[in-house]
Amino acid sequence: MPAEMQIHIQKVKLFGYHGLETGEEITGGEFEVSLTTYYSPIQIPIKKIEETLDYTALLEIIKERMQKPVHLLETLATEIASEIIAKFSIVTEVEISVSKLHPPIKNFEGSVGVTFKIKRN
């Protein structure tokens, strides 16, 4: 019987220096990242960390990538998802959302963000 497992990392708050506006690369801002990875378990029940995805390894990829400044949230989302697909052969799909919690938009209160989904071929 085919099975699918999802690993979720939700609403991780990180500080980064991403954005197009002048000064964002200096002052930085708060971001929120949520990630879902999909894979087919080799066996059920899963009893060992080697039989699944270690969410701390996924979190480390997110943290490392967030330390490298880029202009676009789209760049962050696509690069993180692509790295996870490349690094973990059992992953069949990745969905990631990246939000800028306090964007420097005049007369705007709220957040902006992107969601990206990629499937292994």
C-alpha atoms as a PDB file:
ATOM      1  CA  MET A   1       0.000   0.000   0.000  1.00  0.00           C
ATOM      2  CA  PRO A   2       1.575   3.347  -1.030  1.00  0.00           C
ATOM      3  CA  ALA A   3       2.027   5.804   1.809  1.00  0.00           C
ATOM      4  CA  GLU A   4       3.049   9.430   2.039  1.00  0.00           C
ATOM      5  CA  MET A   5       4.614  11.176   5.009  1.00  0.00           C
ATOM      6  CA  GLN A   6       4.815  14.926   5.518  1.00  0.00           C
ATOM      7  CA  ILE A   7       7.326  16.687   7.719  1.00  0.00           C
ATOM      8  CA  HIS A   8       6.290  20.206   8.765  1.00  0.00           C
ATOM      9  CA  ILE A   9       8.358  23.073  10.093  1.00  0.00           C
ATOM     10  CA  GLN A  10       6.023  25.941  10.799  1.00  0.00           C
ATOM     11  CA  LYS A  11       6.275  29.663  11.459  1.00  0.00           C
ATOM     12  CA  VAL A  12      10.022  29.801  12.111  1.00  0.00           C
ATOM     13  CA  LYS A  13      10.961  33.416  12.807  1.00  0.00           C
ATOM     14  CA  LEU A  14      14.368  34.496  11.519  1.00  0.00           C
ATOM     15  CA  PHE A  15      16.195  37.761  11.003  1.00  0.00           C
ATOM     16  CA  GLY A  16      17.667  38.480   7.581  1.00  0.00           C
ATOM     17  CA  TYR A  17      18.894  41.155   5.197  1.00  0.00           C
ATOM     18  CA  HIS A  18      16.668  40.554   2.194  1.00  0.00           C
ATOM     19  CA  GLY A  19      14.874  43.103   0.056  1.00  0.00           C
ATOM     20  CA  LEU A  20      14.954  45.563  -2.800  1.00  0.00           C
ATOM     21  CA  GLU A  21      14.534  48.765  -0.808  1.00  0.00           C
ATOM     22  CA  THR A  22      17.592  50.874  -0.081  1.00  0.00           C
ATOM     23  CA  GLY A  23      18.844  50.175   3.425  1.00  0.00           C
ATOM     24  CA  GLU A  24      17.268  46.743   3.897  1.00  0.00           C
ATOM     25  CA  GLU A  25      20.691  45.162   3.421  1.00  0.00           C
ATOM     26  CA  ILE A  26      21.851  47.227   6.425  1.00  0.00           C
ATOM     27  CA  THR A  27      18.879  47.266   8.801  1.00  0.00           C
ATOM     28  CA  GLY A  28      17.462  43.832   7.982  1.00  0.00           C
ATOM     29  CA  GLY A  29      14.093  42.583   9.071  1.00  0.00           C
ATOM     30  CA  GLU A  30      12.018  39.749  10.477  1.00  0.00           C
ATOM     31  CA  PHE A  31      10.961  36.847   8.291  1.00  0.00           C
ATOM     32  CA  GLU A  32       8.788  33.798   8.839  1.00  0.00           C
ATOM     33  CA  VAL A  33       9.354  30.484   7.078  1.00  0.00           C
ATOM     34  CA  SER A  34       7.063  27.450   6.910  1.00  0.00           C
ATOM     35  CA  LEU A  35       8.087  24.246   5.162  1.00  0.00           C
ATOM     36  CA  THR A  36       6.422  20.960   4.260  1.00  0.00           C
ATOM     37  CA  THR A  37       8.400  18.089   2.794  1.00  0.00           C
ATOM     38  CA  TYR A  38       6.798  14.961   1.363  1.00  0.00           C
ATOM     39  CA  TYR A  39       8.260  11.473   1.061  1.00  0.00           C
ATOM     40  CA  SER A  40       7.228   7.827   0.845  1.00  0.00           C
ATOM     41  CA  PRO A  41       8.332   5.854   3.903  1.00  0.00           C
ATOM     42  CA  ILE A  42      10.327   2.714   3.166  1.00  0.00           C
ATOM     43  CA  GLN A  43       8.589   0.925   6.009  1.00  0.00           C
ATOM     44  CA  ILE A  44       5.814   1.524   8.495  1.00  0.00           C
ATOM     45  CA  PRO A  45       5.996   2.061  11.398  1.00  0.00           C
ATOM     46  CA  ILE A  46       8.973   4.398  11.293  1.00  0.00           C
ATOM     47  CA  LYS A  47      11.130   3.661  14.307  1.00  0.00           C
ATOM     48  CA  LYS A  48      14.522   5.211  13.568  1.00  0.00           C
ATOM     49  CA  ILE A  49      15.597   8.708  12.553  1.00  0.00           C
ATOM     50  CA  GLU A  50      17.440   7.142   9.595  1.00  0.00           C
ATOM     51  CA  GLU A  51      14.064   6.030   8.200  1.00  0.00           C
ATOM     52  CA  THR A  52      12.699   9.563   8.033  1.00  0.00           C
ATOM     53  CA  LEU A  53      13.756  13.168   7.467  1.00  0.00           C
ATOM     54  CA  ASP A  54      15.483  14.792  10.409  1.00  0.00           C
ATOM     55  CA  TYR A  55      13.672  18.102  10.796  1.00  0.00           C
ATOM     56  CA  THR A  56      16.750  19.614  12.450  1.00  0.00           C
ATOM     57  CA  ALA A  57      18.687  19.066   9.189  1.00  0.00           C
ATOM     58  CA  LEU A  58      15.900  20.804   7.273  1.00  0.00           C
ATOM     59  CA  LEU A  59      15.905  23.674   9.753  1.00  0.00           C
ATOM     60  CA  GLU A  60      19.674  24.048   9.369  1.00  0.00           C
ATOM     61  CA  ILE A  61      19.292  24.475   5.591  1.00  0.00           C
ATOM     62  CA  ILE A  62      16.694  27.198   6.176  1.00  0.00           C
ATOM     63  CA  LYS A  63      18.845  29.003   8.766  1.00  0.00           C
ATOM     64  CA  GLU A  64      21.991  28.892   6.626  1.00  0.00           C
ATOM     65  CA  ARG A  65      20.207  30.176   3.518  1.00  0.00           C
ATOM     66  CA  MET A  66      18.513  32.997   5.425  1.00  0.00           C
ATOM     67  CA  GLN A  67      21.964  34.345   6.366  1.00  0.00           C
ATOM     68  CA  LYS A  68      22.807  35.051   2.691  1.00  0.00           C
ATOM     69  CA  PRO A  69      21.167  38.325   1.585  1.00  0.00           C
ATOM     70  CA  VAL A  70      19.086  38.371  -1.609  1.00  0.00           C
ATOM     71  CA  HIS A  71      16.692  40.901  -3.112  1.00  0.00           C
ATOM     72  CA  LEU A  72      13.647  38.646  -3.612  1.00  0.00           C
ATOM     73  CA  LEU A  73      11.630  36.316  -1.401  1.00  0.00           C
ATOM     74  CA  GLU A  74      11.142  34.206  -4.535  1.00  0.00           C
ATOM     75  CA  THR A  75      14.903  33.604  -4.635  1.00  0.00           C
ATOM     76  CA  LEU A  76      14.941  32.422  -1.020  1.00  0.00           C
ATOM     77  CA  ALA A  77      11.991  30.077  -1.488  1.00  0.00           C
ATOM     78  CA  THR A  78      13.235  28.479  -4.715  1.00  0.00           C
ATOM     79  CA  GLU A  79      16.807  28.045  -3.479  1.00  0.00           C
ATOM     80  CA  ILE A  80      15.806  26.466  -0.151  1.00  0.00           C
ATOM     81  CA  ALA A  81      13.334  24.068  -1.810  1.00  0.00           C
ATOM     82  CA  SER A  82      15.812  23.114  -4.532  1.00  0.00           C
ATOM     83  CA  GLU A  83      18.569  22.429  -2.001  1.00  0.00           C
ATOM     84  CA  ILE A  84      16.289  20.142   0.015  1.00  0.00           C
ATOM     85  CA  ILE A  85      15.248  18.185  -3.108  1.00  0.00           C
ATOM     86  CA  ALA A  86      18.925  17.857  -4.113  1.00  0.00           C
ATOM     87  CA  LYS A  87      20.208  16.868  -0.661  1.00  0.00           C
ATOM     88  CA  PHE A  88      17.563  14.340   0.405  1.00  0.00           C
ATOM     89  CA  SER A  89      16.883  11.655  -2.206  1.00  0.00           C
ATOM     90  CA  ILE A  90      13.763  10.383  -0.403  1.00  0.00           C
ATOM     91  CA  VAL A  91      12.002  13.764  -0.717  1.00  0.00           C
ATOM     92  CA  THR A  92       9.378  13.764  -3.474  1.00  0.00           C
ATOM     93  CA  GLU A  93       7.984  17.270  -2.975  1.00  0.00           C
ATOM     94  CA  VAL A  94       8.724  20.469  -1.070  1.00  0.00           C
ATOM     95  CA  GLU A  95       6.396  23.364  -0.311  1.00  0.00           C
ATOM     96  CA  ILE A  96       7.821  26.474   1.323  1.00  0.00           C
ATOM     97  CA  SER A  97       6.396  29.841   2.330  1.00  0.00           C
ATOM     98  CA  VAL A  98       8.571  32.842   3.143  1.00  0.00           C
ATOM     99  CA  SER A  99       7.055  36.023   4.582  1.00  0.00           C
ATOM    100  CA  LYS A 100       8.533  39.425   5.328  1.00  0.00           C
ATOM    101  CA  LEU A 101       6.776  40.393   8.545  1.00  0.00           C
ATOM    102  CA  HIS A 102       7.334  44.167   8.395  1.00  0.00           C
ATOM    103  CA  PRO A 103       7.908  45.211   4.782  1.00  0.00           C
ATOM    104  CA  PRO A 104       8.971  48.818   4.182  1.00  0.00           C
ATOM    105  CA  ILE A 105       5.801  49.765   2.309  1.00  0.00           C
ATOM    106  CA  LYS A 106       4.341  53.189   2.955  1.00  0.00           C
ATOM    107  CA  ASN A 107       0.891  53.186   4.611  1.00  0.00           C
ATOM    108  CA  PHE A 108       0.880  49.378   4.885  1.00  0.00           C
ATOM    109  CA  GLU A 109       0.376  47.266   7.964  1.00  0.00           C
ATOM    110  CA  GLY A 110       0.792  43.551   7.458  1.00  0.00           C
ATOM    111  CA  SER A 111       3.156  41.078   5.887  1.00  0.00           C
ATOM    112  CA  VAL A 112       4.032  39.996   2.353  1.00  0.00           C
ATOM    113  CA  GLY A 113       5.164  36.583   1.216  1.00  0.00           C
ATOM    114  CA  VAL A 114       5.563  33.887  -1.387  1.00  0.00           C
ATOM    115  CA  THR A 115       4.845  30.171  -1.541  1.00  0.00           C
ATOM    116  CA  PHE A 116       6.767  27.810  -3.800  1.00  0.00           C
ATOM    117  CA  LYS A 117       6.132  24.128  -4.498  1.00  0.00           C
ATOM    118  CA  ILE A 118       8.460  21.780  -6.363  1.00  0.00           C
ATOM    119  CA  LYS A 119       8.126  18.078  -7.172  1.00  0.00           C
ATOM    120  CA  ARG A 120      10.903  15.667  -8.002  1.00  0.00           C
ATOM    121  CA  ASN A 121      10.753  14.500 -11.620  1.00  0.00           C
END
